[in-house]
Amino acid sequence: KADSNKQYTRRYSLRLHNISYQPDESSNDLDKEVEKCYTAMDISYDKNTIDRYHRIGMIYKNKNTGKDCKSIIIKFRSWSARQKFYQSRPRFYVNGVKKKPGNDSFSVSLDLTKRNYELLKIAKEKIKINNNIDYAFVDSNCSLAIKFKEGRITHFNSLDQLDMIINK
């Protein structure tokens, strides 16, 4: 229940990955990086739709460019602003086939709690051996779910529920 509450507090947040980073970065530089993401997704940048944003995590190298990167977390002021941004994100899968991202490609992900992120990884591993399940995913509400081959979608929020769904 505590994790559900923690996940609920993240409902307006998204994470941006592969965003270039300079150690002497100012808030103006960070603002320009966020604006670049909006431009890349062909969305007009309105700073009033964002509550706040900041860098998170460790510095890492972009696999394509070798440049230093550090993720950004954005908290939006409204659900509609978050959804507009999330639905415009770069897609690296077309009809289930992975596309190669460009050198300066960034990605957008939901802000999952550590527990939900781990549960999703476990679900993806467990369904590999199940022929009745297409894939495990997180919907835009940050709810974990499994899609069966026949099209049925079932949500889960614990390892016990996942096992019960898979073993049916």
N, C-alpha and C. Protein backbone atom coordinates (compact mmCIF):
# COMPACT_ATOMS: atom_id res chain seq x y z
N LYS A 1 0.83 -1.20 0.00
CA LYS A 1 0.00 0.00 0.00
C LYS A 1 0.87 1.26 0.00
N ALA A 2 1.97 1.23 0.74
CA ALA A 2 2.87 2.38 0.78
C ALA A 2 3.44 2.66 -0.61
N ASP A 3 3.79 1.57 -1.33
CA ASP A 3 4.33 1.75 -2.67
C ASP A 3 3.27 2.32 -3.62
N SER A 4 2.03 1.91 -3.46
CA SER A 4 0.95 2.46 -4.30
C SER A 4 0.81 3.96 -4.06
N ASN A 5 0.91 4.37 -2.81
CA ASN A 5 0.85 5.80 -2.50
C ASN A 5 2.04 6.54 -3.09
N LYS A 6 3.22 5.92 -3.00
CA LYS A 6 4.43 6.54 -3.56
C LYS A 6 4.29 6.67 -5.07
N GLN A 7 3.76 5.62 -5.72
CA GLN A 7 3.57 5.67 -7.18
C GLN A 7 2.56 6.75 -7.54
N TYR A 8 1.52 6.90 -6.74
CA TYR A 8 0.49 7.90 -7.01
C TYR A 8 1.07 9.31 -6.98
N THR A 9 2.03 9.56 -6.10
CA THR A 9 2.63 10.90 -6.03
C THR A 9 3.46 11.21 -7.27
N ARG A 10 3.79 10.19 -8.05
CA ARG A 10 4.59 10.38 -9.27
C ARG A 10 3.74 10.46 -10.53
N ARG A 11 2.44 10.58 -10.40
CA ARG A 11 1.54 10.50 -11.55
C ARG A 11 1.74 11.62 -12.57
N TYR A 12 2.29 12.75 -12.16
CA TYR A 12 2.51 13.85 -13.10
C TYR A 12 3.95 13.93 -13.58
N SER A 13 4.76 12.94 -13.26
CA SER A 13 6.19 13.00 -13.58
C SER A 13 6.58 12.05 -14.70
N LEU A 14 7.59 12.47 -15.49
CA LEU A 14 8.19 11.65 -16.53
C LEU A 14 9.71 11.80 -16.43
N ARG A 15 10.42 10.81 -16.96
CA ARG A 15 11.88 10.85 -16.98
C ARG A 15 12.37 10.94 -18.42
N LEU A 16 13.37 11.79 -18.63
CA LEU A 16 14.01 11.93 -19.94
C LEU A 16 15.41 11.34 -19.82
N HIS A 17 15.78 10.47 -20.76
CA HIS A 17 17.08 9.81 -20.74
C HIS A 17 17.89 10.21 -21.97
N ASN A 18 19.21 10.05 -21.88
CA ASN A 18 20.16 10.42 -22.94
C ASN A 18 20.15 11.92 -23.22
N ILE A 19 20.09 12.70 -22.16
CA ILE A 19 20.14 14.15 -22.26
C ILE A 19 21.56 14.59 -21.92
N SER A 20 22.20 15.32 -22.84
CA SER A 20 23.60 15.69 -22.63
C SER A 20 23.76 16.51 -21.35
N TYR A 21 24.95 16.37 -20.75
CA TYR A 21 25.22 16.97 -19.45
C TYR A 21 26.60 17.59 -19.43
N GLN A 22 26.68 18.79 -18.88
CA GLN A 22 27.95 19.47 -18.66
C GLN A 22 28.09 19.70 -17.16
N PRO A 23 29.23 19.39 -16.56
CA PRO A 23 29.39 19.56 -15.11
C PRO A 23 29.14 20.99 -14.62
N ASP A 24 29.41 21.99 -15.45
CA ASP A 24 29.21 23.37 -15.04
C ASP A 24 27.87 23.93 -15.54
N GLU A 25 26.90 23.05 -15.73
CA GLU A 25 25.60 23.40 -16.29
C GLU A 25 24.84 24.38 -15.37
N SER A 26 24.20 25.36 -15.99
CA SER A 26 23.36 26.30 -15.24
C SER A 26 21.89 25.92 -15.45
N SER A 27 21.01 26.59 -14.73
CA SER A 27 19.58 26.30 -14.90
C SER A 27 19.12 26.70 -16.31
N ASN A 28 19.76 27.71 -16.91
CA ASN A 28 19.42 28.09 -18.29
C ASN A 28 19.78 26.98 -19.27
N ASP A 29 20.93 26.33 -19.03
CA ASP A 29 21.34 25.21 -19.89
C ASP A 29 20.35 24.07 -19.79
N LEU A 30 19.90 23.78 -18.58
CA LEU A 30 18.93 22.71 -18.37
C LEU A 30 17.61 23.06 -19.05
N ASP A 31 17.21 24.30 -18.94
CA ASP A 31 15.99 24.76 -19.60
C ASP A 31 16.10 24.57 -21.11
N LYS A 32 17.26 24.85 -21.69
CA LYS A 32 17.47 24.67 -23.12
C LYS A 32 17.39 23.20 -23.51
N GLU A 33 17.90 22.30 -22.66
CA GLU A 33 17.81 20.86 -22.95
C GLU A 33 16.36 20.39 -22.97
N VAL A 34 15.56 20.86 -22.02
CA VAL A 34 14.14 20.50 -21.98
C VAL A 34 13.44 21.07 -23.22
N GLU A 35 13.75 22.31 -23.56
CA GLU A 35 13.15 22.92 -24.75
C GLU A 35 13.52 22.16 -26.02
N LYS A 36 14.76 21.66 -26.11
CA LYS A 36 15.18 20.85 -27.27
C LYS A 36 14.31 19.60 -27.40
N CYS A 37 13.97 18.99 -26.28
CA CYS A 37 13.12 17.79 -26.31
C CYS A 37 11.74 18.13 -26.86
N TYR A 38 11.19 19.23 -26.41
CA TYR A 38 9.89 19.67 -26.94
C TYR A 38 9.98 19.89 -28.44
N THR A 39 11.03 20.57 -28.88
CA THR A 39 11.20 20.86 -30.31
C THR A 39 11.33 19.56 -31.10
N ALA A 40 12.11 18.61 -30.59
CA ALA A 40 12.30 17.33 -31.28
C ALA A 40 10.99 16.57 -31.43
N MET A 41 10.07 16.77 -30.49
CA MET A 41 8.78 16.07 -30.55
C MET A 41 7.71 16.92 -31.24
N ASP A 42 8.11 18.10 -31.72
CA ASP A 42 7.21 18.99 -32.43
C ASP A 42 6.03 19.44 -31.55
N ILE A 43 6.35 19.79 -30.31
CA ILE A 43 5.36 20.32 -29.37
C ILE A 43 5.82 21.72 -28.99
N SER A 44 4.88 22.64 -28.86
CA SER A 44 5.27 23.99 -28.43
C SER A 44 5.64 23.96 -26.95
N TYR A 45 6.72 24.62 -26.62
CA TYR A 45 7.25 24.63 -25.27
C TYR A 45 6.59 25.75 -24.48
N ASP A 46 5.87 25.38 -23.44
CA ASP A 46 5.24 26.34 -22.55
C ASP A 46 5.71 26.01 -21.13
N LYS A 47 6.60 26.81 -20.63
CA LYS A 47 7.19 26.56 -19.31
C LYS A 47 6.13 26.54 -18.21
N ASN A 48 4.98 27.16 -18.45
CA ASN A 48 3.92 27.20 -17.45
C ASN A 48 3.24 25.84 -17.25
N THR A 49 3.46 24.89 -18.17
CA THR A 49 2.85 23.56 -18.01
C THR A 49 3.71 22.66 -17.11
N ILE A 50 4.92 23.14 -16.79
CA ILE A 50 5.85 22.35 -15.98
C ILE A 50 5.94 22.94 -14.58
N ASP A 51 5.81 22.07 -13.59
CA ASP A 51 5.95 22.49 -12.20
C ASP A 51 7.43 22.68 -11.87
N ARG A 52 8.23 21.64 -12.18
CA ARG A 52 9.68 21.72 -11.95
C ARG A 52 10.37 20.57 -12.68
N TYR A 53 11.68 20.69 -12.81
CA TYR A 53 12.49 19.62 -13.39
C TYR A 53 13.89 19.76 -12.83
N HIS A 54 14.58 18.62 -12.80
CA HIS A 54 15.97 18.62 -12.33
C HIS A 54 16.66 17.35 -12.79
N ARG A 55 17.97 17.33 -12.69
CA ARG A 55 18.77 16.16 -13.05
C ARG A 55 18.62 15.11 -11.97
N ILE A 56 18.69 13.84 -12.41
CA ILE A 56 18.66 12.73 -11.46
C ILE A 56 19.64 11.65 -11.90
N GLY A 57 20.06 10.86 -10.96
CA GLY A 57 20.88 9.70 -11.27
C GLY A 57 22.34 10.03 -11.51
N MET A 58 23.02 9.02 -12.02
CA MET A 58 24.45 9.10 -12.27
C MET A 58 24.72 9.63 -13.68
N ILE A 59 25.93 10.13 -13.88
CA ILE A 59 26.38 10.52 -15.21
C ILE A 59 26.76 9.24 -15.95
N TYR A 60 26.36 9.14 -17.22
CA TYR A 60 26.70 7.97 -18.03
C TYR A 60 27.02 8.42 -19.45
N LYS A 61 27.63 7.55 -20.22
CA LYS A 61 28.00 7.85 -21.61
C LYS A 61 26.88 7.42 -22.55
N ASN A 62 26.55 8.29 -23.51
CA ASN A 62 25.61 7.94 -24.57
C ASN A 62 26.30 6.89 -25.44
N LYS A 63 25.64 5.77 -25.68
CA LYS A 63 26.24 4.66 -26.44
C LYS A 63 26.57 5.04 -27.87
N ASN A 64 25.81 5.95 -28.46
CA ASN A 64 26.02 6.34 -29.86
C ASN A 64 27.06 7.44 -30.02
N THR A 65 27.03 8.42 -29.10
CA THR A 65 27.90 9.59 -29.27
C THR A 65 29.10 9.60 -28.35
N GLY A 66 29.04 8.87 -27.25
CA GLY A 66 30.12 8.88 -26.27
C GLY A 66 30.09 10.11 -25.37
N LYS A 67 29.08 10.97 -25.52
CA LYS A 67 28.97 12.17 -24.69
C LYS A 67 28.41 11.84 -23.32
N ASP A 68 28.77 12.67 -22.33
CA ASP A 68 28.21 12.51 -20.98
C ASP A 68 26.73 12.86 -21.00
N CYS A 69 25.95 12.05 -20.30
CA CYS A 69 24.51 12.27 -20.19
C CYS A 69 24.09 12.11 -18.73
N LYS A 70 22.99 12.74 -18.41
CA LYS A 70 22.37 12.57 -17.10
C LYS A 70 20.87 12.78 -17.30
N SER A 71 20.07 11.92 -16.72
CA SER A 71 18.62 11.97 -16.92
C SER A 71 18.01 13.20 -16.26
N ILE A 72 16.82 13.53 -16.70
CA ILE A 72 16.05 14.64 -16.14
C ILE A 72 14.69 14.10 -15.74
N ILE A 73 14.20 14.54 -14.60
CA ILE A 73 12.83 14.23 -14.21
C ILE A 73 12.02 15.52 -14.32
N ILE A 74 10.85 15.41 -14.94
CA ILE A 74 9.97 16.56 -15.12
C ILE A 74 8.66 16.28 -14.39
N LYS A 75 8.23 17.22 -13.58
CA LYS A 75 6.91 17.14 -12.96
C LYS A 75 6.03 18.19 -13.62
N PHE A 76 4.96 17.74 -14.26
CA PHE A 76 4.05 18.62 -14.96
C PHE A 76 2.97 19.14 -14.01
N ARG A 77 2.39 20.27 -14.37
CA ARG A 77 1.33 20.86 -13.54
C ARG A 77 -0.01 20.17 -13.72
N SER A 78 -0.21 19.53 -14.88
CA SER A 78 -1.49 18.88 -15.14
C SER A 78 -1.29 17.54 -15.83
N TRP A 79 -2.30 16.71 -15.71
CA TRP A 79 -2.28 15.40 -16.35
C TRP A 79 -2.27 15.55 -17.87
N SER A 80 -3.03 16.51 -18.38
CA SER A 80 -3.12 16.68 -19.84
C SER A 80 -1.77 17.12 -20.42
N ALA A 81 -1.03 17.96 -19.72
CA ALA A 81 0.30 18.38 -20.20
C ALA A 81 1.25 17.19 -20.20
N ARG A 82 1.18 16.38 -19.16
CA ARG A 82 2.03 15.17 -19.08
C ARG A 82 1.69 14.21 -20.21
N GLN A 83 0.39 13.98 -20.44
CA GLN A 83 -0.04 13.05 -21.47
C GLN A 83 0.36 13.53 -22.87
N LYS A 84 0.23 14.81 -23.11
CA LYS A 84 0.61 15.37 -24.41
C LYS A 84 2.10 15.11 -24.67
N PHE A 85 2.91 15.35 -23.66
CA PHE A 85 4.35 15.13 -23.79
C PHE A 85 4.64 13.65 -23.97
N TYR A 86 4.03 12.80 -23.13
CA TYR A 86 4.30 11.36 -23.17
C TYR A 86 3.85 10.73 -24.49
N GLN A 87 2.73 11.14 -24.99
CA GLN A 87 2.22 10.56 -26.23
C GLN A 87 3.00 11.03 -27.46
N SER A 88 3.75 12.11 -27.32
CA SER A 88 4.56 12.62 -28.43
C SER A 88 5.99 12.11 -28.39
N ARG A 89 6.31 11.28 -27.42
CA ARG A 89 7.69 10.81 -27.23
C ARG A 89 8.21 10.06 -28.46
N PRO A 90 9.53 10.05 -28.62
CA PRO A 90 10.12 9.29 -29.73
C PRO A 90 9.80 7.80 -29.57
N ARG A 91 9.45 7.16 -30.66
CA ARG A 91 9.13 5.73 -30.63
C ARG A 91 10.27 4.96 -31.29
N PHE A 92 10.78 3.96 -30.61
CA PHE A 92 11.85 3.15 -31.15
C PHE A 92 11.35 1.78 -31.58
N TYR A 93 10.03 1.60 -31.48
CA TYR A 93 9.41 0.36 -31.96
C TYR A 93 8.32 0.74 -32.95
N VAL A 94 8.34 0.12 -34.12
CA VAL A 94 7.29 0.32 -35.11
C VAL A 94 6.75 -1.05 -35.45
N ASN A 95 5.46 -1.27 -35.17
CA ASN A 95 4.82 -2.57 -35.38
C ASN A 95 5.59 -3.69 -34.69
N GLY A 96 6.06 -3.42 -33.47
CA GLY A 96 6.76 -4.43 -32.69
C GLY A 96 8.21 -4.65 -33.06
N VAL A 97 8.71 -3.93 -34.07
CA VAL A 97 10.09 -4.08 -34.51
C VAL A 97 10.90 -2.87 -34.03
N LYS A 98 12.04 -3.15 -33.39
CA LYS A 98 12.85 -2.08 -32.84
C LYS A 98 13.58 -1.32 -33.94
N LYS A 99 13.43 0.02 -33.91
CA LYS A 99 14.17 0.89 -34.83
C LYS A 99 15.46 1.30 -34.13
N LYS A 100 16.45 1.64 -34.92
CA LYS A 100 17.69 2.13 -34.34
C LYS A 100 17.53 3.62 -34.05
N PRO A 101 17.74 4.04 -32.79
CA PRO A 101 17.62 5.46 -32.48
C PRO A 101 18.77 6.24 -33.11
N GLY A 102 18.54 7.52 -33.38
CA GLY A 102 19.58 8.38 -33.92
C GLY A 102 20.62 8.70 -32.86
N ASN A 103 21.71 9.33 -33.28
CA ASN A 103 22.79 9.65 -32.36
C ASN A 103 22.38 10.55 -31.22
N ASP A 104 21.48 11.48 -31.50
CA ASP A 104 21.09 12.42 -30.45
C ASP A 104 19.71 12.07 -29.87
N SER A 105 19.27 10.83 -30.06
CA SER A 105 17.95 10.42 -29.59
C SER A 105 17.89 10.39 -28.07
N PHE A 106 16.79 10.86 -27.57
CA PHE A 106 16.51 10.75 -26.15
C PHE A 106 15.29 9.87 -26.00
N SER A 107 15.05 9.41 -24.80
CA SER A 107 13.86 8.60 -24.57
C SER A 107 13.11 9.16 -23.38
N VAL A 108 11.82 8.83 -23.33
CA VAL A 108 10.94 9.28 -22.27
C VAL A 108 10.36 8.04 -21.60
N SER A 109 10.39 8.02 -20.28
CA SER A 109 9.79 6.89 -19.57
C SER A 109 8.93 7.39 -18.42
N LEU A 110 8.06 6.52 -17.98
CA LEU A 110 7.23 6.82 -16.82
C LEU A 110 8.10 6.79 -15.57
N ASP A 111 7.71 7.52 -14.56
CA ASP A 111 8.46 7.59 -13.31
C ASP A 111 7.94 6.52 -12.36
N LEU A 112 8.45 5.30 -12.54
CA LEU A 112 8.03 4.18 -11.70
C LEU A 112 8.82 4.13 -10.39
N THR A 113 8.18 3.61 -9.36
CA THR A 113 8.91 3.34 -8.12
C THR A 113 9.85 2.18 -8.37
N LYS A 114 10.83 2.02 -7.51
CA LYS A 114 11.79 0.93 -7.66
C LYS A 114 11.07 -0.42 -7.63
N ARG A 115 10.10 -0.56 -6.76
CA ARG A 115 9.34 -1.81 -6.65
C ARG A 115 8.62 -2.13 -7.95
N ASN A 116 7.94 -1.15 -8.53
CA ASN A 116 7.20 -1.39 -9.78
C ASN A 116 8.14 -1.66 -10.95
N TYR A 117 9.27 -0.97 -10.97
CA TYR A 117 10.24 -1.20 -12.02
C TYR A 117 10.77 -2.64 -11.94
N GLU A 118 11.09 -3.10 -10.74
CA GLU A 118 11.58 -4.47 -10.56
C GLU A 118 10.50 -5.49 -10.91
N LEU A 119 9.27 -5.23 -10.52
CA LEU A 119 8.15 -6.12 -10.82
C LEU A 119 7.93 -6.23 -12.33
N LEU A 120 8.09 -5.13 -13.05
CA LEU A 120 7.97 -5.15 -14.51
C LEU A 120 9.08 -6.00 -15.13
N LYS A 121 10.31 -5.85 -14.64
CA LYS A 121 11.42 -6.66 -15.15
C LYS A 121 11.17 -8.14 -14.92
N ILE A 122 10.68 -8.49 -13.74
CA ILE A 122 10.37 -9.89 -13.42
C ILE A 122 9.28 -10.41 -14.36
N ALA A 123 8.25 -9.60 -14.57
CA ALA A 123 7.14 -10.00 -15.45
C ALA A 123 7.64 -10.26 -16.86
N LYS A 124 8.51 -9.40 -17.37
CA LYS A 124 9.04 -9.57 -18.73
C LYS A 124 9.86 -10.84 -18.84
N GLU A 125 10.58 -11.20 -17.81
CA GLU A 125 11.35 -12.44 -17.81
C GLU A 125 10.42 -13.66 -17.75
N LYS A 126 9.41 -13.60 -16.90
CA LYS A 126 8.51 -14.74 -16.71
C LYS A 126 7.66 -15.04 -17.94
N ILE A 127 7.30 -14.01 -18.70
CA ILE A 127 6.41 -14.26 -19.84
C ILE A 127 7.16 -14.80 -21.05
N LYS A 128 8.48 -14.75 -21.03
CA LYS A 128 9.25 -15.28 -22.15
C LYS A 128 8.96 -16.76 -22.37
N ILE A 129 8.64 -17.48 -21.31
CA ILE A 129 8.40 -18.92 -21.42
C ILE A 129 6.92 -19.27 -21.53
N ASN A 130 6.05 -18.25 -21.61
CA ASN A 130 4.62 -18.48 -21.69
C ASN A 130 4.12 -18.12 -23.09
N ASN A 131 3.64 -19.09 -23.83
CA ASN A 131 3.19 -18.88 -25.21
C ASN A 131 1.85 -18.16 -25.32
N ASN A 132 1.11 -18.05 -24.21
CA ASN A 132 -0.21 -17.40 -24.25
C ASN A 132 -0.13 -15.90 -24.04
N ILE A 133 1.04 -15.40 -23.63
CA ILE A 133 1.18 -13.98 -23.29
C ILE A 133 2.04 -13.28 -24.34
N ASP A 134 1.54 -12.14 -24.80
CA ASP A 134 2.27 -11.33 -25.78
C ASP A 134 3.40 -10.55 -25.12
N TYR A 135 3.05 -9.73 -24.12
CA TYR A 135 4.07 -8.92 -23.46
C TYR A 135 3.54 -8.34 -22.15
N ALA A 136 4.48 -7.86 -21.32
CA ALA A 136 4.17 -7.13 -20.09
C ALA A 136 4.49 -5.67 -20.34
N PHE A 137 3.71 -4.78 -19.75
CA PHE A 137 3.90 -3.36 -20.00
C PHE A 137 3.37 -2.53 -18.84
N VAL A 138 3.63 -1.23 -18.92
CA VAL A 138 3.08 -0.27 -17.97
C VAL A 138 2.20 0.67 -18.76
N ASP A 139 0.95 0.86 -18.34
CA ASP A 139 0.09 1.79 -19.06
C ASP A 139 0.40 3.22 -18.63
N SER A 140 -0.24 4.18 -19.25
CA SER A 140 0.09 5.58 -18.98
C SER A 140 -0.26 6.01 -17.56
N ASN A 141 -1.03 5.20 -16.84
CA ASN A 141 -1.34 5.47 -15.43
C ASN A 141 -0.34 4.82 -14.49
N CYS A 142 0.72 4.25 -15.05
CA CYS A 142 1.77 3.55 -14.28
C CYS A 142 1.26 2.27 -13.64
N SER A 143 0.23 1.66 -14.22
CA SER A 143 -0.27 0.37 -13.76
C SER A 143 0.41 -0.73 -14.57
N LEU A 144 0.85 -1.77 -13.89
CA LEU A 144 1.50 -2.90 -14.55
C LEU A 144 0.43 -3.80 -15.15
N ALA A 145 0.71 -4.34 -16.34
CA ALA A 145 -0.28 -5.17 -17.02
C ALA A 145 0.39 -6.19 -17.92
N ILE A 146 -0.38 -7.21 -18.26
CA ILE A 146 0.04 -8.25 -19.20
C ILE A 146 -0.99 -8.30 -20.32
N LYS A 147 -0.51 -8.39 -21.56
CA LYS A 147 -1.41 -8.53 -22.70
C LYS A 147 -1.29 -9.96 -23.22
N PHE A 148 -2.42 -10.66 -23.25
CA PHE A 148 -2.46 -12.03 -23.75
C PHE A 148 -2.59 -12.02 -25.27
N LYS A 149 -2.22 -13.12 -25.87
CA LYS A 149 -2.25 -13.25 -27.34
C LYS A 149 -3.64 -12.97 -27.90
N GLU A 150 -4.70 -13.38 -27.17
CA GLU A 150 -6.06 -13.17 -27.67
C GLU A 150 -6.54 -11.73 -27.50
N GLY A 151 -5.67 -10.85 -26.92
CA GLY A 151 -6.01 -9.44 -26.80
C GLY A 151 -6.42 -8.99 -25.42
N ARG A 152 -6.69 -9.92 -24.52
CA ARG A 152 -7.11 -9.58 -23.16
C ARG A 152 -5.95 -8.95 -22.40
N ILE A 153 -6.26 -7.92 -21.61
CA ILE A 153 -5.26 -7.25 -20.78
C ILE A 153 -5.63 -7.44 -19.32
N THR A 154 -4.67 -7.86 -18.51
CA THR A 154 -4.89 -8.06 -17.08
C THR A 154 -3.84 -7.28 -16.30
N HIS A 155 -4.31 -6.51 -15.33
CA HIS A 155 -3.41 -5.72 -14.50
C HIS A 155 -2.98 -6.52 -13.26
N PHE A 156 -1.80 -6.19 -12.75
CA PHE A 156 -1.30 -6.82 -11.53
C PHE A 156 -0.47 -5.80 -10.76
N ASN A 157 -0.36 -6.02 -9.44
CA ASN A 157 0.47 -5.10 -8.65
C ASN A 157 1.30 -5.81 -7.58
N SER A 158 1.45 -7.12 -7.74
CA SER A 158 2.31 -7.87 -6.83
C SER A 158 2.83 -9.11 -7.54
N LEU A 159 3.86 -9.68 -7.00
CA LEU A 159 4.43 -10.90 -7.56
C LEU A 159 3.44 -12.05 -7.45
N ASP A 160 2.69 -12.10 -6.35
CA ASP A 160 1.67 -13.15 -6.19
C ASP A 160 0.60 -13.05 -7.26
N GLN A 161 0.13 -11.84 -7.53
CA GLN A 161 -0.88 -11.65 -8.58
C GLN A 161 -0.32 -12.04 -9.94
N LEU A 162 0.93 -11.65 -10.20
CA LEU A 162 1.57 -12.00 -11.46
C LEU A 162 1.63 -13.52 -11.63
N ASP A 163 2.09 -14.22 -10.62
CA ASP A 163 2.18 -15.68 -10.68
C ASP A 163 0.80 -16.31 -10.89
N MET A 164 -0.21 -15.78 -10.20
CA MET A 164 -1.56 -16.32 -10.33
C MET A 164 -2.07 -16.12 -11.77
N ILE A 165 -1.80 -14.98 -12.36
CA ILE A 165 -2.24 -14.70 -13.74
C ILE A 165 -1.53 -15.60 -14.73
N ILE A 166 -0.23 -15.74 -14.56
CA ILE A 166 0.56 -16.56 -15.49
C ILE A 166 0.21 -18.03 -15.40
N ASN A 167 -0.06 -18.51 -14.20
CA ASN A 167 -0.32 -19.93 -13.99
C ASN A 167 -1.75 -20.35 -14.25
N LYS A 168 -2.63 -19.42 -14.60
CA LYS A 168 -4.03 -19.78 -14.89
C LYS A 168 -4.12 -20.59 -16.15
